[in-house]
Amino acid sequence: MMPGALLIIIPITGWILVIPMVVYGFFLLFIAWGFLTPQSWAHLWAVVNANVLGVVLSSLIVLYLQSDDIKRRFT
C-alpha cells in the first residue's frame, strides 16, 4: 500500500500508532531477508503478514476511537 493511500485511510494522529509498527515490521523483514533459504520462506511470509495485519488493525482501532459516535458518547 502506498504512503499516500495510508494517509487517506489513517487520520494524522493514527501515525503515532502506525509508524512504529511499520518500522518494526520492516526491521524484522530485513532480518529475515538476510537469512533467506528455501526453508525460511514461511518465516518471511509470516513477517510480511504480521506487518500488514498490524497496520490494518491499528488503522481500524484509530478510526474507531476517532469516530463521531465515540466522541458523542464521552462528551
N, C-alpha and C. Protein backbone atom coordinates (compact mmCIF):
# COMPACT_ATOMS: atom_id res chain seq x y z
N MET A 1 0.84 -1.18 0.00
CA MET A 1 0.00 0.00 0.00
C MET A 1 0.89 1.24 0.00
N MET A 2 0.51 2.23 -0.76
CA MET A 2 1.32 3.43 -0.89
C MET A 2 1.12 4.33 0.33
N PRO A 3 2.15 5.09 0.72
CA PRO A 3 2.00 6.01 1.86
C PRO A 3 0.87 7.01 1.68
N GLY A 4 0.65 7.47 0.44
CA GLY A 4 -0.45 8.41 0.20
C GLY A 4 -1.80 7.79 0.51
N ALA A 5 -1.95 6.51 0.15
CA ALA A 5 -3.21 5.83 0.44
C ALA A 5 -3.39 5.65 1.94
N LEU A 6 -2.29 5.37 2.64
CA LEU A 6 -2.38 5.25 4.09
C LEU A 6 -2.78 6.57 4.72
N LEU A 7 -2.31 7.67 4.17
CA LEU A 7 -2.63 8.98 4.72
C LEU A 7 -4.11 9.27 4.59
N ILE A 8 -4.73 8.76 3.52
CA ILE A 8 -6.17 8.96 3.35
C ILE A 8 -6.94 8.09 4.35
N ILE A 9 -6.48 6.86 4.56
CA ILE A 9 -7.19 5.93 5.42
C ILE A 9 -7.00 6.28 6.89
N ILE A 10 -5.80 6.65 7.26
CA ILE A 10 -5.47 6.83 8.67
C ILE A 10 -5.43 8.32 8.99
N PRO A 11 -6.17 8.77 10.00
CA PRO A 11 -6.05 10.15 10.43
C PRO A 11 -4.62 10.45 10.89
N ILE A 12 -4.27 11.73 10.90
CA ILE A 12 -2.89 12.12 11.19
C ILE A 12 -2.43 11.55 12.53
N THR A 13 -3.29 11.57 13.54
CA THR A 13 -2.87 11.06 14.85
C THR A 13 -2.66 9.56 14.82
N GLY A 14 -3.21 8.88 13.80
CA GLY A 14 -3.02 7.45 13.69
C GLY A 14 -1.57 7.08 13.39
N TRP A 15 -0.81 8.02 12.82
CA TRP A 15 0.59 7.74 12.51
C TRP A 15 1.38 7.45 13.78
N ILE A 16 0.91 7.96 14.93
CA ILE A 16 1.60 7.70 16.19
C ILE A 16 1.63 6.20 16.45
N LEU A 17 0.55 5.50 16.10
CA LEU A 17 0.50 4.05 16.29
C LEU A 17 1.12 3.29 15.13
N VAL A 18 0.94 3.79 13.92
CA VAL A 18 1.29 3.02 12.73
C VAL A 18 2.79 3.03 12.45
N ILE A 19 3.43 4.19 12.59
CA ILE A 19 4.85 4.29 12.22
C ILE A 19 5.72 3.30 12.98
N PRO A 20 5.61 3.18 14.32
CA PRO A 20 6.45 2.18 15.00
C PRO A 20 6.19 0.76 14.53
N MET A 21 4.93 0.42 14.24
CA MET A 21 4.62 -0.93 13.77
C MET A 21 5.24 -1.19 12.41
N VAL A 22 5.17 -0.21 11.51
CA VAL A 22 5.74 -0.38 10.18
C VAL A 22 7.26 -0.51 10.25
N VAL A 23 7.89 0.37 11.06
CA VAL A 23 9.35 0.32 11.18
C VAL A 23 9.79 -1.02 11.76
N TYR A 24 9.10 -1.47 12.81
CA TYR A 24 9.45 -2.75 13.43
C TYR A 24 9.22 -3.91 12.45
N GLY A 25 8.13 -3.85 11.71
CA GLY A 25 7.84 -4.90 10.74
C GLY A 25 8.89 -4.98 9.65
N PHE A 26 9.32 -3.83 9.12
CA PHE A 26 10.35 -3.85 8.09
C PHE A 26 11.71 -4.24 8.66
N PHE A 27 11.96 -3.90 9.92
CA PHE A 27 13.18 -4.35 10.58
C PHE A 27 13.23 -5.88 10.62
N LEU A 28 12.12 -6.49 11.00
CA LEU A 28 12.05 -7.96 11.00
C LEU A 28 12.16 -8.51 9.59
N LEU A 29 11.57 -7.80 8.63
CA LEU A 29 11.63 -8.26 7.24
C LEU A 29 13.07 -8.27 6.73
N PHE A 30 13.84 -7.24 7.05
CA PHE A 30 15.22 -7.20 6.59
C PHE A 30 16.07 -8.26 7.28
N ILE A 31 15.77 -8.54 8.55
CA ILE A 31 16.48 -9.63 9.23
C ILE A 31 16.18 -10.95 8.52
N ALA A 32 14.91 -11.18 8.23
CA ALA A 32 14.52 -12.42 7.55
C ALA A 32 15.16 -12.49 6.16
N TRP A 33 15.25 -11.35 5.47
CA TRP A 33 15.80 -11.33 4.13
C TRP A 33 17.26 -11.76 4.12
N GLY A 34 18.00 -11.42 5.19
CA GLY A 34 19.40 -11.79 5.26
C GLY A 34 19.62 -13.29 5.43
N PHE A 35 18.60 -13.99 5.90
CA PHE A 35 18.75 -15.42 6.16
C PHE A 35 17.84 -16.26 5.27
N LEU A 36 17.54 -15.74 4.08
CA LEU A 36 16.61 -16.45 3.21
C LEU A 36 17.22 -17.74 2.67
N THR A 37 16.55 -18.82 2.96
CA THR A 37 16.84 -20.12 2.36
C THR A 37 15.48 -20.69 1.95
N PRO A 38 15.46 -21.77 1.21
CA PRO A 38 14.15 -22.35 0.86
C PRO A 38 13.30 -22.68 2.09
N GLN A 39 13.94 -22.99 3.22
CA GLN A 39 13.17 -23.33 4.41
C GLN A 39 12.64 -22.09 5.14
N SER A 40 13.19 -20.91 4.83
CA SER A 40 12.79 -19.72 5.58
C SER A 40 11.73 -18.88 4.88
N TRP A 41 11.22 -19.37 3.74
CA TRP A 41 10.18 -18.60 3.07
C TRP A 41 8.93 -18.49 3.93
N ALA A 42 8.63 -19.52 4.72
CA ALA A 42 7.46 -19.45 5.60
C ALA A 42 7.65 -18.37 6.66
N HIS A 43 8.88 -18.24 7.17
CA HIS A 43 9.16 -17.19 8.15
C HIS A 43 9.00 -15.81 7.53
N LEU A 44 9.52 -15.62 6.31
CA LEU A 44 9.38 -14.34 5.63
C LEU A 44 7.91 -14.02 5.39
N TRP A 45 7.14 -14.99 4.99
CA TRP A 45 5.71 -14.79 4.74
C TRP A 45 5.00 -14.40 6.04
N ALA A 46 5.39 -15.02 7.17
CA ALA A 46 4.79 -14.68 8.46
C ALA A 46 5.13 -13.25 8.86
N VAL A 47 6.36 -12.82 8.62
CA VAL A 47 6.75 -11.45 8.96
C VAL A 47 5.97 -10.44 8.13
N VAL A 48 5.83 -10.70 6.83
CA VAL A 48 5.08 -9.78 5.97
C VAL A 48 3.62 -9.73 6.41
N ASN A 49 3.03 -10.87 6.69
CA ASN A 49 1.64 -10.89 7.12
C ASN A 49 1.45 -10.18 8.44
N ALA A 50 2.38 -10.35 9.37
CA ALA A 50 2.28 -9.68 10.67
C ALA A 50 2.38 -8.17 10.50
N ASN A 51 3.24 -7.72 9.60
CA ASN A 51 3.39 -6.29 9.36
C ASN A 51 2.10 -5.71 8.80
N VAL A 52 1.56 -6.35 7.77
CA VAL A 52 0.32 -5.87 7.16
C VAL A 52 -0.83 -5.92 8.15
N LEU A 53 -0.94 -7.01 8.90
CA LEU A 53 -2.01 -7.14 9.87
C LEU A 53 -1.91 -6.08 10.95
N GLY A 54 -0.70 -5.78 11.41
CA GLY A 54 -0.52 -4.75 12.42
C GLY A 54 -0.96 -3.39 11.93
N VAL A 55 -0.62 -3.05 10.70
CA VAL A 55 -1.02 -1.76 10.15
C VAL A 55 -2.54 -1.69 10.00
N VAL A 56 -3.14 -2.75 9.49
CA VAL A 56 -4.59 -2.74 9.28
C VAL A 56 -5.33 -2.65 10.62
N LEU A 57 -4.93 -3.47 11.59
CA LEU A 57 -5.61 -3.44 12.89
C LEU A 57 -5.45 -2.11 13.59
N SER A 58 -4.25 -1.54 13.57
CA SER A 58 -4.06 -0.24 14.22
C SER A 58 -4.87 0.84 13.51
N SER A 59 -4.99 0.75 12.19
CA SER A 59 -5.80 1.71 11.45
C SER A 59 -7.26 1.62 11.86
N LEU A 60 -7.77 0.41 11.96
CA LEU A 60 -9.16 0.24 12.36
C LEU A 60 -9.40 0.73 13.78
N ILE A 61 -8.47 0.46 14.68
CA ILE A 61 -8.62 0.92 16.06
C ILE A 61 -8.64 2.44 16.12
N VAL A 62 -7.72 3.09 15.40
CA VAL A 62 -7.68 4.55 15.41
C VAL A 62 -8.94 5.13 14.80
N LEU A 63 -9.39 4.58 13.69
CA LEU A 63 -10.61 5.08 13.07
C LEU A 63 -11.80 4.91 14.00
N TYR A 64 -11.87 3.79 14.72
CA TYR A 64 -12.97 3.56 15.65
C TYR A 64 -12.93 4.55 16.80
N LEU A 65 -11.74 4.75 17.36
CA LEU A 65 -11.62 5.65 18.51
C LEU A 65 -11.90 7.10 18.13
N GLN A 66 -11.67 7.45 16.88
CA GLN A 66 -11.89 8.83 16.47
C GLN A 66 -13.24 9.04 15.80
N SER A 67 -14.08 8.05 15.81
CA SER A 67 -15.38 8.21 15.16
C SER A 67 -16.26 9.16 15.96
N ASP A 68 -17.20 9.76 15.27
CA ASP A 68 -18.08 10.73 15.92
C ASP A 68 -18.95 10.07 16.97
N ASP A 69 -19.28 8.81 16.77
CA ASP A 69 -20.11 8.10 17.73
C ASP A 69 -19.42 8.03 19.09
N ILE A 70 -18.14 7.73 19.10
CA ILE A 70 -17.40 7.66 20.35
C ILE A 70 -17.29 9.05 20.98
N LYS A 71 -17.06 10.07 20.16
CA LYS A 71 -16.97 11.43 20.69
C LYS A 71 -18.29 11.84 21.35
N ARG A 72 -19.41 11.45 20.75
CA ARG A 72 -20.71 11.81 21.33
C ARG A 72 -20.97 11.06 22.64
N ARG A 73 -20.48 9.83 22.75
CA ARG A 73 -20.71 9.07 23.98
C ARG A 73 -19.98 9.66 25.18
N PHE A 74 -18.78 10.17 24.95
CA PHE A 74 -17.95 10.61 26.07
C PHE A 74 -17.92 12.12 26.26
N THR A 75 -18.75 12.85 25.51
CA THR A 75 -18.79 14.31 25.70
C THR A 75 -20.16 14.73 26.16
